[in-house]
Amino acid sequence: MDRGAQSDSPKEDVKVDDEKVEYAKGSVCGYCSYCKFCKLCEKDCPCETSASKPNCKMCKYCKYCNLCSAVCDTICQPGGILDKVSAAIVGALPSHDPDEINKDIDSVKEYIDRKDEL
């Protein structure tokens, strides 16, 4: 094997836009996407709802911004271990269809109503 034929060019650093990186589906880290809102908390809250500030009702969510710095900015990175593991756990949980469950219950409703008589 000719080692001289291998590429000697330096590896290119690929720039990744942090805004476009997503958390795994079902990950608890997905809630970190709401941390962008916290910048508004620092600037606009508390406030009173008015024509110039119609979104003051959102200030009640600012209390969760401490989680952003404590969790999201440290251990909950897209593609990180917590992101992947929590998504895997959520993905392993059984899913259910409420309509199917209600249909099944309705199909035995007569039995349920009569069971006290039996």
PDB file of N, CA and C in Angstrom:
ATOM      1  N   MET A   1       0.838  -1.175   0.000  1.00  0.00           N
ATOM      2  CA  MET A   1       0.000   0.000   0.000  1.00  0.00           C
ATOM      3  C   MET A   1       0.881   1.236   0.000  1.00  0.00           C
ATOM      4  N   ASP A   2       0.597   2.171  -0.867  1.00  0.00           N
ATOM      5  CA  ASP A   2       1.404   3.380  -1.023  1.00  0.00           C
ATOM      6  C   ASP A   2       0.880   4.471  -0.096  1.00  0.00           C
ATOM      7  N   ARG A   3       1.637   4.748   0.955  1.00  0.00           N
ATOM      8  CA  ARG A   3       1.200   5.766   1.911  1.00  0.00           C
ATOM      9  C   ARG A   3       1.346   7.166   1.358  1.00  0.00           C
ATOM     10  N   GLY A   4       2.146   7.327   0.350  1.00  0.00           N
ATOM     11  CA  GLY A   4       2.334   8.641  -0.254  1.00  0.00           C
ATOM     12  C   GLY A   4       1.098   9.105  -1.000  1.00  0.00           C
ATOM     13  N   ALA A   5       0.208   8.170  -1.334  1.00  0.00           N
ATOM     14  CA  ALA A   5      -0.997   8.519  -2.083  1.00  0.00           C
ATOM     15  C   ALA A   5      -2.082   9.103  -1.183  1.00  0.00           C
ATOM     16  N   GLN A   6      -1.901   8.997   0.119  1.00  0.00           N
ATOM     17  CA  GLN A   6      -2.907   9.531   1.032  1.00  0.00           C
ATOM     18  C   GLN A   6      -2.883  11.047   1.002  1.00  0.00           C
ATOM     19  N   SER A   7      -4.005  11.632   1.301  1.00  0.00           N
ATOM     20  CA  SER A   7      -4.127  13.086   1.277  1.00  0.00           C
ATOM     21  C   SER A   7      -3.326  13.699   2.418  1.00  0.00           C
ATOM     22  N   ASP A   8      -2.476  14.648   2.081  1.00  0.00           N
ATOM     23  CA  ASP A   8      -1.691  15.347   3.085  1.00  0.00           C
ATOM     24  C   ASP A   8      -2.309  16.687   3.448  1.00  0.00           C
ATOM     25  N   SER A   9      -3.465  17.004   2.853  1.00  0.00           N
ATOM     26  CA  SER A   9      -4.082  18.304   3.121  1.00  0.00           C
ATOM     27  C   SER A   9      -4.649  18.329   4.536  1.00  0.00           C
ATOM     28  N   PRO A  10      -4.560  19.479   5.188  1.00  0.00           N
ATOM     29  CA  PRO A  10      -5.088  19.573   6.550  1.00  0.00           C
ATOM     30  C   PRO A  10      -6.609  19.415   6.544  1.00  0.00           C
ATOM     31  N   LYS A  11      -7.115  18.892   7.663  1.00  0.00           N
ATOM     32  CA  LYS A  11      -8.563  18.721   7.775  1.00  0.00           C
ATOM     33  C   LYS A  11      -9.230  20.085   7.856  1.00  0.00           C
ATOM     34  N   GLU A  12     -10.333  20.195   7.147  1.00  0.00           N
ATOM     35  CA  GLU A  12     -11.082  21.447   7.150  1.00  0.00           C
ATOM     36  C   GLU A  12     -11.984  21.508   8.370  1.00  0.00           C
ATOM     37  N   ASP A  13     -11.982  22.615   9.072  1.00  0.00           N
ATOM     38  CA  ASP A  13     -12.918  22.809  10.166  1.00  0.00           C
ATOM     39  C   ASP A  13     -14.254  23.205   9.575  1.00  0.00           C
ATOM     40  N   VAL A  14     -15.275  22.456   9.923  1.00  0.00           N
ATOM     41  CA  VAL A  14     -16.611  22.745   9.421  1.00  0.00           C
ATOM     42  C   VAL A  14     -17.313  23.617  10.442  1.00  0.00           C
ATOM     43  N   LYS A  15     -17.783  24.760   9.989  1.00  0.00           N
ATOM     44  CA  LYS A  15     -18.508  25.665  10.873  1.00  0.00           C
ATOM     45  C   LYS A  15     -19.950  25.194  10.983  1.00  0.00           C
ATOM     46  N   VAL A  16     -20.437  25.067  12.204  1.00  0.00           N
ATOM     47  CA  VAL A  16     -21.807  24.640  12.444  1.00  0.00           C
ATOM     48  C   VAL A  16     -22.562  25.802  13.057  1.00  0.00           C
ATOM     49  N   ASP A  17     -23.702  26.115  12.473  1.00  0.00           N
ATOM     50  CA  ASP A  17     -24.546  27.186  12.986  1.00  0.00           C
ATOM     51  C   ASP A  17     -25.313  26.656  14.194  1.00  0.00           C
ATOM     52  N   ASP A  18     -24.975  27.148  15.397  1.00  0.00           N
ATOM     53  CA  ASP A  18     -25.610  26.677  16.624  1.00  0.00           C
ATOM     54  C   ASP A  18     -27.122  26.845  16.601  1.00  0.00           C
ATOM     55  N   GLU A  19     -27.622  27.827  15.870  1.00  0.00           N
ATOM     56  CA  GLU A  19     -29.060  28.057  15.785  1.00  0.00           C
ATOM     57  C   GLU A  19     -29.772  26.922  15.049  1.00  0.00           C
ATOM     58  N   LYS A  20     -29.040  26.224  14.168  1.00  0.00           N
ATOM     59  CA  LYS A  20     -29.660  25.177  13.356  1.00  0.00           C
ATOM     60  C   LYS A  20     -29.490  23.785  13.950  1.00  0.00           C
ATOM     61  N   VAL A  21     -28.635  23.641  14.963  1.00  0.00           N
ATOM     62  CA  VAL A  21     -28.436  22.349  15.600  1.00  0.00           C
ATOM     63  C   VAL A  21     -29.657  22.066  16.466  1.00  0.00           C
ATOM     64  N   GLU A  22     -30.215  20.863  16.317  1.00  0.00           N
ATOM     65  CA  GLU A  22     -31.435  20.537  17.045  1.00  0.00           C
ATOM     66  C   GLU A  22     -31.174  19.456  18.083  1.00  0.00           C
ATOM     67  N   TYR A  23     -32.017  19.468  19.110  1.00  0.00           N
ATOM     68  CA  TYR A  23     -31.968  18.421  20.117  1.00  0.00           C
ATOM     69  C   TYR A  23     -32.645  17.177  19.561  1.00  0.00           C
ATOM     70  N   ALA A  24     -32.316  16.029  20.114  1.00  0.00           N
ATOM     71  CA  ALA A  24     -32.928  14.777  19.684  1.00  0.00           C
ATOM     72  C   ALA A  24     -34.422  14.795  20.001  1.00  0.00           C
ATOM     73  N   LYS A  25     -35.207  14.144  19.149  1.00  0.00           N
ATOM     74  CA  LYS A  25     -36.655  14.103  19.336  1.00  0.00           C
ATOM     75  C   LYS A  25     -36.988  13.412  20.661  1.00  0.00           C
ATOM     76  N   GLY A  26     -37.785  14.070  21.485  1.00  0.00           N
ATOM     77  CA  GLY A  26     -38.184  13.515  22.768  1.00  0.00           C
ATOM     78  C   GLY A  26     -37.236  13.822  23.906  1.00  0.00           C
ATOM     79  N   SER A  27     -36.143  14.468  23.636  1.00  0.00           N
ATOM     80  CA  SER A  27     -35.150  14.772  24.664  1.00  0.00           C
ATOM     81  C   SER A  27     -35.671  15.837  25.620  1.00  0.00           C
ATOM     82  N   VAL A  28     -35.344  15.678  26.902  1.00  0.00           N
ATOM     83  CA  VAL A  28     -35.699  16.720  27.860  1.00  0.00           C
ATOM     84  C   VAL A  28     -34.948  18.008  27.538  1.00  0.00           C
ATOM     85  N   CYS A  29     -33.847  17.882  26.843  1.00  0.00           N
ATOM     86  CA  CYS A  29     -33.071  19.056  26.456  1.00  0.00           C
ATOM     87  C   CYS A  29     -33.807  19.905  25.426  1.00  0.00           C
ATOM     88  N   GLY A  30     -34.816  19.357  24.803  1.00  0.00           N
ATOM     89  CA  GLY A  30     -35.606  20.112  23.830  1.00  0.00           C
ATOM     90  C   GLY A  30     -36.209  21.367  24.428  1.00  0.00           C
ATOM     91  N   TYR A  31     -36.464  21.345  25.725  1.00  0.00           N
ATOM     92  CA  TYR A  31     -37.012  22.529  26.386  1.00  0.00           C
ATOM     93  C   TYR A  31     -36.013  23.680  26.395  1.00  0.00           C
ATOM     94  N   CYS A  32     -34.756  23.378  26.197  1.00  0.00           N
ATOM     95  CA  CYS A  32     -33.732  24.420  26.181  1.00  0.00           C
ATOM     96  C   CYS A  32     -33.903  25.373  25.001  1.00  0.00           C
ATOM     97  N   SER A  33     -34.637  24.967  23.995  1.00  0.00           N
ATOM     98  CA  SER A  33     -34.850  25.862  22.854  1.00  0.00           C
ATOM     99  C   SER A  33     -35.645  27.101  23.265  1.00  0.00           C
ATOM    100  N   TYR A  34     -36.331  27.027  24.392  1.00  0.00           N
ATOM    101  CA  TYR A  34     -37.084  28.182  24.886  1.00  0.00           C
ATOM    102  C   TYR A  34     -36.193  29.190  25.606  1.00  0.00           C
ATOM    103  N   CYS A  35     -34.940  28.861  25.821  1.00  0.00           N
ATOM    104  CA  CYS A  35     -34.039  29.759  26.544  1.00  0.00           C
ATOM    105  C   CYS A  35     -33.780  31.056  25.792  1.00  0.00           C
ATOM    106  N   LYS A  36     -34.015  31.061  24.489  1.00  0.00           N
ATOM    107  CA  LYS A  36     -33.841  32.297  23.718  1.00  0.00           C
ATOM    108  C   LYS A  36     -34.739  33.402  24.267  1.00  0.00           C
ATOM    109  N   PHE A  37     -35.869  33.002  24.815  1.00  0.00           N
ATOM    110  CA  PHE A  37     -36.834  33.931  25.389  1.00  0.00           C
ATOM    111  C   PHE A  37     -36.244  34.688  26.586  1.00  0.00           C
ATOM    112  N   CYS A  38     -35.293  34.093  27.271  1.00  0.00           N
ATOM    113  CA  CYS A  38     -34.742  34.688  28.490  1.00  0.00           C
ATOM    114  C   CYS A  38     -34.058  36.028  28.242  1.00  0.00           C
ATOM    115  N   LYS A  39     -33.559  36.248  27.045  1.00  0.00           N
ATOM    116  CA  LYS A  39     -32.961  37.545  26.731  1.00  0.00           C
ATOM    117  C   LYS A  39     -33.994  38.651  26.873  1.00  0.00           C
ATOM    118  N   LEU A  40     -35.234  38.345  26.529  1.00  0.00           N
ATOM    119  CA  LEU A  40     -36.306  39.331  26.667  1.00  0.00           C
ATOM    120  C   LEU A  40     -36.640  39.576  28.128  1.00  0.00           C
ATOM    121  N   CYS A  41     -36.520  38.555  28.950  1.00  0.00           N
ATOM    122  CA  CYS A  41     -36.813  38.702  30.373  1.00  0.00           C
ATOM    123  C   CYS A  41     -35.911  39.746  31.011  1.00  0.00           C
ATOM    124  N   GLU A  42     -34.638  39.657  30.686  1.00  0.00           N
ATOM    125  CA  GLU A  42     -33.675  40.585  31.268  1.00  0.00           C
ATOM    126  C   GLU A  42     -33.977  42.019  30.864  1.00  0.00           C
ATOM    127  N   LYS A  43     -34.467  42.186  29.643  1.00  0.00           N
ATOM    128  CA  LYS A  43     -34.686  43.521  29.103  1.00  0.00           C
ATOM    129  C   LYS A  43     -36.082  44.070  29.411  1.00  0.00           C
ATOM    130  N   ASP A  44     -37.114  43.228  29.296  1.00  0.00           N
ATOM    131  CA  ASP A  44     -38.489  43.719  29.334  1.00  0.00           C
ATOM    132  C   ASP A  44     -39.291  43.403  30.592  1.00  0.00           C
ATOM    133  N   CYS A  45     -38.839  42.524  31.439  1.00  0.00           N
ATOM    134  CA  CYS A  45     -39.654  42.110  32.580  1.00  0.00           C
ATOM    135  C   CYS A  45     -39.077  42.642  33.875  1.00  0.00           C
ATOM    136  N   PRO A  46     -39.888  42.914  34.843  1.00  0.00           N
ATOM    137  CA  PRO A  46     -41.354  42.927  34.809  1.00  0.00           C
ATOM    138  C   PRO A  46     -41.872  44.142  34.037  1.00  0.00           C
ATOM    139  N   CYS A  47     -43.100  44.033  33.582  1.00  0.00           N
ATOM    140  CA  CYS A  47     -43.721  45.129  32.846  1.00  0.00           C
ATOM    141  C   CYS A  47     -45.237  45.035  32.975  1.00  0.00           C
ATOM    142  N   GLU A  48     -45.898  46.050  32.524  1.00  0.00           N
ATOM    143  CA  GLU A  48     -47.358  46.057  32.499  1.00  0.00           C
ATOM    144  C   GLU A  48     -47.799  46.003  31.046  1.00  0.00           C
ATOM    145  N   THR A  49     -48.815  45.203  30.782  1.00  0.00           N
ATOM    146  CA  THR A  49     -49.312  45.065  29.418  1.00  0.00           C
ATOM    147  C   THR A  49     -49.835  46.399  28.917  1.00  0.00           C
ATOM    148  N   SER A  50     -49.374  46.757  27.740  1.00  0.00           N
ATOM    149  CA  SER A  50     -49.808  48.001  27.106  1.00  0.00           C
ATOM    150  C   SER A  50     -49.706  47.812  25.599  1.00  0.00           C
ATOM    151  N   ALA A  51     -50.068  48.828  24.850  1.00  0.00           N
ATOM    152  CA  ALA A  51     -49.980  48.750  23.391  1.00  0.00           C
ATOM    153  C   ALA A  51     -48.536  48.558  22.938  1.00  0.00           C
ATOM    154  N   SER A  52     -47.610  49.157  23.655  1.00  0.00           N
ATOM    155  CA  SER A  52     -46.202  49.032  23.271  1.00  0.00           C
ATOM    156  C   SER A  52     -45.565  47.739  23.796  1.00  0.00           C
ATOM    157  N   LYS A  53     -46.165  47.133  24.824  1.00  0.00           N
ATOM    158  CA  LYS A  53     -45.649  45.883  25.398  1.00  0.00           C
ATOM    159  C   LYS A  53     -46.798  44.897  25.602  1.00  0.00           C
ATOM    160  N   PRO A  54     -47.258  44.288  24.507  1.00  0.00           N
ATOM    161  CA  PRO A  54     -48.407  43.389  24.607  1.00  0.00           C
ATOM    162  C   PRO A  54     -48.080  42.006  25.180  1.00  0.00           C
ATOM    163  N   ASN A  55     -46.819  41.675  25.320  1.00  0.00           N
ATOM    164  CA  ASN A  55     -46.440  40.323  25.734  1.00  0.00           C
ATOM    165  C   ASN A  55     -46.008  40.210  27.188  1.00  0.00           C
ATOM    166  N   CYS A  56     -46.417  41.128  28.012  1.00  0.00           N
ATOM    167  CA  CYS A  56     -46.002  41.099  29.415  1.00  0.00           C
ATOM    168  C   CYS A  56     -46.473  39.846  30.143  1.00  0.00           C
ATOM    169  N   LYS A  57     -47.533  39.250  29.672  1.00  0.00           N
ATOM    170  CA  LYS A  57     -48.023  38.025  30.317  1.00  0.00           C
ATOM    171  C   LYS A  57     -46.982  36.907  30.254  1.00  0.00           C
ATOM    172  N   MET A  58     -46.032  37.018  29.346  1.00  0.00           N
ATOM    173  CA  MET A  58     -44.999  35.999  29.205  1.00  0.00           C
ATOM    174  C   MET A  58     -43.923  36.103  30.293  1.00  0.00           C
ATOM    175  N   CYS A  59     -43.910  37.195  31.026  1.00  0.00           N
ATOM    176  CA  CYS A  59     -42.899  37.376  32.075  1.00  0.00           C
ATOM    177  C   CYS A  59     -42.991  36.306  33.159  1.00  0.00           C
ATOM    178  N   LYS A  60     -44.153  35.692  33.311  1.00  0.00           N
ATOM    179  CA  LYS A  60     -44.290  34.663  34.346  1.00  0.00           C
ATOM    180  C   LYS A  60     -43.382  33.459  34.078  1.00  0.00           C
ATOM    181  N   TYR A  61     -42.915  33.297  32.844  1.00  0.00           N
ATOM    182  CA  TYR A  61     -42.036  32.179  32.508  1.00  0.00           C
ATOM    183  C   TYR A  61     -40.564  32.492  32.750  1.00  0.00           C
ATOM    184  N   CYS A  62     -40.264  33.716  33.096  1.00  0.00           N
ATOM    185  CA  CYS A  62     -38.869  34.104  33.337  1.00  0.00           C
ATOM    186  C   CYS A  62     -38.262  33.355  34.519  1.00  0.00           C
ATOM    187  N   LYS A  63     -39.091  32.879  35.426  1.00  0.00           N
ATOM    188  CA  LYS A  63     -38.564  32.168  36.590  1.00  0.00           C
ATOM    189  C   LYS A  63     -37.837  30.883  36.201  1.00  0.00           C
ATOM    190  N   TYR A  64     -38.083  30.375  34.998  1.00  0.00           N
ATOM    191  CA  TYR A  64     -37.413  29.160  34.544  1.00  0.00           C
ATOM    192  C   TYR A  64     -36.069  29.437  33.872  1.00  0.00           C
ATOM    193  N   CYS A  65     -35.741  30.688  33.698  1.00  0.00           N
ATOM    194  CA  CYS A  65     -34.495  31.037  33.006  1.00  0.00           C
ATOM    195  C   CYS A  65     -33.250  30.604  33.774  1.00  0.00           C
ATOM    196  N   ASN A  66     -33.360  30.428  35.083  1.00  0.00           N
ATOM    197  CA  ASN A  66     -32.210  29.934  35.855  1.00  0.00           C
ATOM    198  C   ASN A  66     -31.805  28.546  35.383  1.00  0.00           C
ATOM    199  N   LEU A  67     -32.777  27.756  34.922  1.00  0.00           N
ATOM    200  CA  LEU A  67     -32.465  26.424  34.403  1.00  0.00           C
ATOM    201  C   LEU A  67     -31.614  26.505  33.144  1.00  0.00           C
ATOM    202  N   CYS A  68     -31.814  27.562  32.379  1.00  0.00           N
ATOM    203  CA  CYS A  68     -31.040  27.709  31.141  1.00  0.00           C
ATOM    204  C   CYS A  68     -29.554  27.801  31.436  1.00  0.00           C
ATOM    205  N   SER A  69     -29.200  28.632  32.383  1.00  0.00           N
ATOM    206  CA  SER A  69     -27.779  28.776  32.692  1.00  0.00           C
ATOM    207  C   SER A  69     -27.256  27.567  33.462  1.00  0.00           C
ATOM    208  N   ALA A  70     -28.094  26.968  34.302  1.00  0.00           N
ATOM    209  CA  ALA A  70     -27.642  25.845  35.110  1.00  0.00           C
ATOM    210  C   ALA A  70     -27.568  24.535  34.330  1.00  0.00           C
ATOM    211  N   VAL A  71     -28.493  24.323  33.395  1.00  0.00           N
ATOM    212  CA  VAL A  71     -28.561  23.042  32.693  1.00  0.00           C
ATOM    213  C   VAL A  71     -28.262  23.180  31.206  1.00  0.00           C
ATOM    214  N   CYS A  72     -29.004  24.030  30.546  1.00  0.00           N
ATOM    215  CA  CYS A  72     -28.921  24.105  29.082  1.00  0.00           C
ATOM    216  C   CYS A  72     -27.586  24.636  28.584  1.00  0.00           C
ATOM    217  N   ASP A  73     -27.024  25.576  29.280  1.00  0.00           N
ATOM    218  CA  ASP A  73     -25.751  26.151  28.848  1.00  0.00           C
ATOM    219  C   ASP A  73     -24.555  25.297  29.263  1.00  0.00           C
ATOM    220  N   THR A  74     -24.798  24.240  30.042  1.00  0.00           N
ATOM    221  CA  THR A  74     -23.690  23.425  30.521  1.00  0.00           C
ATOM    222  C   THR A  74     -23.794  21.978  30.044  1.00  0.00           C
ATOM    223  N   ILE A  75     -24.743  21.210  30.567  1.00  0.00           N
ATOM    224  CA  ILE A  75     -24.767  19.770  30.292  1.00  0.00           C
ATOM    225  C   ILE A  75     -25.768  19.332  29.236  1.00  0.00           C
ATOM    226  N   CYS A  76     -26.634  20.206  28.803  1.00  0.00           N
ATOM    227  CA  CYS A  76     -27.692  19.809  27.874  1.00  0.00           C
ATOM    228  C   CYS A  76     -27.425  20.360  26.475  1.00  0.00           C
ATOM    229  N   GLN A  77     -26.379  19.896  25.846  1.00  0.00           N
ATOM    230  CA  GLN A  77     -26.014  20.366  24.511  1.00  0.00           C
ATOM    231  C   GLN A  77     -26.613  19.446  23.446  1.00  0.00           C
ATOM    232  N   PRO A  78     -27.024  19.993  22.294  1.00  0.00           N
ATOM    233  CA  PRO A  78     -27.549  19.142  21.215  1.00  0.00           C
ATOM    234  C   PRO A  78     -26.529  18.071  20.829  1.00  0.00           C
ATOM    235  N   GLY A  79     -26.967  16.825  20.818  1.00  0.00           N
ATOM    236  CA  GLY A  79     -26.078  15.721  20.486  1.00  0.00           C
ATOM    237  C   GLY A  79     -25.256  15.225  21.660  1.00  0.00           C
ATOM    238  N   GLY A  80     -25.388  15.883  22.811  1.00  0.00           N
ATOM    239  CA  GLY A  80     -24.643  15.483  23.997  1.00  0.00           C
ATOM    240  C   GLY A  80     -25.244  14.250  24.648  1.00  0.00           C
ATOM    241  N   ILE A  81     -24.588  13.780  25.691  1.00  0.00           N
ATOM    242  CA  ILE A  81     -25.004  12.538  26.345  1.00  0.00           C
ATOM    243  C   ILE A  81     -26.397  12.655  26.952  1.00  0.00           C
ATOM    244  N   LEU A  82     -26.698  13.752  27.651  1.00  0.00           N
ATOM    245  CA  LEU A  82     -28.017  13.907  28.262  1.00  0.00           C
ATOM    246  C   LEU A  82     -29.100  13.999  27.194  1.00  0.00           C
ATOM    247  N   ASP A  83     -28.807  14.674  26.110  1.00  0.00           N
ATOM    248  CA  ASP A  83     -29.744  14.794  24.993  1.00  0.00           C
ATOM    249  C   ASP A  83     -30.052  13.414  24.418  1.00  0.00           C
ATOM    250  N   LYS A  84     -29.027  12.637  24.143  1.00  0.00           N
ATOM    251  CA  LYS A  84     -29.208  11.318  23.534  1.00  0.00           C
ATOM    252  C   LYS A  84     -29.876  10.331  24.484  1.00  0.00           C
ATOM    253  N   VAL A  85     -29.433  10.305  25.737  1.00  0.00           N
ATOM    254  CA  VAL A  85     -29.968   9.336  26.695  1.00  0.00           C
ATOM    255  C   VAL A  85     -31.433   9.632  27.014  1.00  0.00           C
ATOM    256  N   SER A  86     -31.761  10.890  27.265  1.00  0.00           N
ATOM    257  CA  SER A  86     -33.157  11.205  27.596  1.00  0.00           C
ATOM    258  C   SER A  86     -34.072  10.948  26.401  1.00  0.00           C
ATOM    259  N   ALA A  87     -33.592  11.186  25.194  1.00  0.00           N
ATOM    260  CA  ALA A  87     -34.390  10.886  23.998  1.00  0.00           C
ATOM    261  C   ALA A  87     -34.592   9.382  23.857  1.00  0.00           C
ATOM    262  N   ALA A  88     -33.569   8.601  24.168  1.00  0.00           N
ATOM    263  CA  ALA A  88     -33.683   7.142  24.084  1.00  0.00           C
ATOM    264  C   ALA A  88     -34.682   6.613  25.104  1.00  0.00           C
ATOM    265  N   ILE A  89     -34.667   7.182  26.304  1.00  0.00           N
ATOM    266  CA  ILE A  89     -35.611   6.754  27.340  1.00  0.00           C
ATOM    267  C   ILE A  89     -37.037   7.076  26.923  1.00  0.00           C
ATOM    268  N   VAL A  90     -37.260   8.287  26.472  1.00  0.00           N
ATOM    269  CA  VAL A  90     -38.598   8.682  26.031  1.00  0.00           C
ATOM    270  C   VAL A  90     -39.032   7.832  24.843  1.00  0.00           C
ATOM    271  N   GLY A  91     -38.107   7.556  23.934  1.00  0.00           N
ATOM    272  CA  GLY A  91     -38.428   6.740  22.768  1.00  0.00           C
ATOM    273  C   GLY A  91     -38.753   5.294  23.121  1.00  0.00           C
ATOM    274  N   ALA A  92     -38.222   4.807  24.242  1.00  0.00           N
ATOM    275  CA  ALA A  92     -38.465   3.427  24.659  1.00  0.00           C
ATOM    276  C   ALA A  92     -39.798   3.261  25.378  1.00  0.00           C
ATOM    277  N   LEU A  93     -40.374   4.356  25.827  1.00  0.00           N
ATOM    278  CA  LEU A  93     -41.659   4.273  26.520  1.00  0.00           C
ATOM    279  C   LEU A  93     -42.757   3.913  25.533  1.00  0.00           C
ATOM    280  N   PRO A  94     -43.715   3.112  25.991  1.00  0.00           N
ATOM    281  CA  PRO A  94     -44.805   2.756  25.079  1.00  0.00           C
ATOM    282  C   PRO A  94     -45.667   3.975  24.774  1.00  0.00           C
ATOM    283  N   SER A  95     -46.096   4.048  23.548  1.00  0.00           N
ATOM    284  CA  SER A  95     -46.986   5.145  23.176  1.00  0.00           C
ATOM    285  C   SER A  95     -48.417   4.639  23.235  1.00  0.00           C
ATOM    286  N   HIS A  96     -49.351   5.550  23.294  1.00  0.00           N
ATOM    287  CA  HIS A  96     -50.756   5.153  23.339  1.00  0.00           C
ATOM    288  C   HIS A  96     -51.583   6.084  22.471  1.00  0.00           C
ATOM    289  N   ASP A  97     -52.687   5.571  22.031  1.00  0.00           N
ATOM    290  CA  ASP A  97     -53.617   6.337  21.217  1.00  0.00           C
ATOM    291  C   ASP A  97     -54.892   6.514  22.035  1.00  0.00           C
ATOM    292  N   PRO A  98     -55.155   7.716  22.540  1.00  0.00           N
ATOM    293  CA  PRO A  98     -56.336   7.928  23.386  1.00  0.00           C
ATOM    294  C   PRO A  98     -57.642   7.521  22.704  1.00  0.00           C
ATOM    295  N   ASP A  99     -57.744   7.740  21.406  1.00  0.00           N
ATOM    296  CA  ASP A  99     -58.965   7.354  20.696  1.00  0.00           C
ATOM    297  C   ASP A  99     -59.158   5.839  20.723  1.00  0.00           C
ATOM    298  N   GLU A 100     -58.068   5.104  20.539  1.00  0.00           N
ATOM    299  CA  GLU A 100     -58.152   3.642  20.564  1.00  0.00           C
ATOM    300  C   GLU A 100     -58.529   3.148  21.958  1.00  0.00           C
ATOM    301  N   ILE A 101     -57.950   3.766  22.982  1.00  0.00           N
ATOM    302  CA  ILE A 101     -58.263   3.378  24.358  1.00  0.00           C
ATOM    303  C   ILE A 101     -59.733   3.639  24.655  1.00  0.00           C
ATOM    304  N   ASN A 102     -60.226   4.807  24.282  1.00  0.00           N
ATOM    305  CA  ASN A 102     -61.641   5.125  24.518  1.00  0.00           C
ATOM    306  C   ASN A 102     -62.556   4.168  23.767  1.00  0.00           C
ATOM    307  N   LYS A 103     -62.169   3.792  22.569  1.00  0.00           N
ATOM    308  CA  LYS A 103     -62.962   2.847  21.775  1.00  0.00           C
ATOM    309  C   LYS A 103     -63.008   1.483  22.471  1.00  0.00           C
ATOM    310  N   ASP A 104     -61.865   1.040  22.999  1.00  0.00           N
ATOM    311  CA  ASP A 104     -61.823  -0.233  23.721  1.00  0.00           C
ATOM    312  C   ASP A 104     -62.701  -0.188  24.966  1.00  0.00           C
ATOM    313  N   ILE A 105     -62.640   0.907  25.696  1.00  0.00           N
ATOM    314  CA  ILE A 105     -63.459   1.045  26.908  1.00  0.00           C
ATOM    315  C   ILE A 105     -64.938   1.050  26.548  1.00  0.00           C
ATOM    316  N   ASP A 106     -65.285   1.782  25.502  1.00  0.00           N
ATOM    317  CA  ASP A 106     -66.685   1.818  25.063  1.00  0.00           C
ATOM    318  C   ASP A 106     -67.182   0.436  24.661  1.00  0.00           C
ATOM    319  N   SER A 107     -66.302  -0.382  24.096  1.00  0.00           N
ATOM    320  CA  SER A 107     -66.722  -1.713  23.648  1.00  0.00           C
ATOM    321  C   SER A 107     -67.049  -2.645  24.814  1.00  0.00           C
ATOM    322  N   VAL A 108     -66.526  -2.372  25.998  1.00  0.00           N
ATOM    323  CA  VAL A 108     -66.822  -3.206  27.172  1.00  0.00           C
ATOM    324  C   VAL A 108     -67.654  -2.461  28.208  1.00  0.00           C
ATOM    325  N   LYS A 109     -68.149  -1.302  27.842  1.00  0.00           N
ATOM    326  CA  LYS A 109     -68.911  -0.479  28.785  1.00  0.00           C
ATOM    327  C   LYS A 109     -70.128  -1.231  29.321  1.00  0.00           C
ATOM    328  N   GLU A 110     -70.799  -1.974  28.457  1.00  0.00           N
ATOM    329  CA  GLU A 110     -71.977  -2.726  28.893  1.00  0.00           C
ATOM    330  C   GLU A 110     -71.588  -3.731  29.971  1.00  0.00           C
ATOM    331  N   TYR A 111     -70.465  -4.423  29.778  1.00  0.00           N
ATOM    332  CA  TYR A 111     -69.988  -5.376  30.768  1.00  0.00           C
ATOM    333  C   TYR A 111     -69.645  -4.662  32.075  1.00  0.00           C
ATOM    334  N   ILE A 112     -68.980  -3.526  31.977  1.00  0.00           N
ATOM    335  CA  ILE A 112     -68.596  -2.775  33.174  1.00  0.00           C
ATOM    336  C   ILE A 112     -69.843  -2.357  33.948  1.00  0.00           C
ATOM    337  N   ASP A 113     -70.858  -1.895  33.233  1.00  0.00           N
ATOM    338  CA  ASP A 113     -72.095  -1.468  33.890  1.00  0.00           C
ATOM    339  C   ASP A 113     -72.819  -2.650  34.531  1.00  0.00           C
ATOM    340  N   ARG A 114     -72.728  -3.833  33.928  1.00  0.00           N
ATOM    341  CA  ARG A 114     -73.437  -5.003  34.439  1.00  0.00           C
ATOM    342  C   ARG A 114     -72.629  -5.788  35.458  1.00  0.00           C
ATOM    343  N   LYS A 115     -71.360  -5.542  35.600  1.00  0.00           N
ATOM    344  CA  LYS A 115     -70.521  -6.394  36.441  1.00  0.00           C
ATOM    345  C   LYS A 115     -70.995  -6.436  37.886  1.00  0.00           C
ATOM    346  N   ASP A 116     -71.598  -5.372  38.366  1.00  0.00           N
ATOM    347  CA  ASP A 116     -72.121  -5.388  39.734  1.00  0.00           C
ATOM    348  C   ASP A 116     -73.301  -6.338  39.860  1.00  0.00           C
ATOM    349  N   GLU A 117     -74.017  -6.557  38.761  1.00  0.00           N
ATOM    350  CA  GLU A 117     -75.166  -7.452  38.775  1.00  0.00           C
ATOM    351  C   GLU A 117     -74.733  -8.913  38.730  1.00  0.00           C
ATOM    352  N   LEU A 118     -73.540  -9.176  38.221  1.00  0.00           N
ATOM    353  CA  LEU A 118     -73.086 -10.560  38.043  1.00  0.00           C
ATOM    354  C   LEU A 118     -72.645 -11.194  39.308  1.00  0.00           C
TER     355      LEU A 118
END
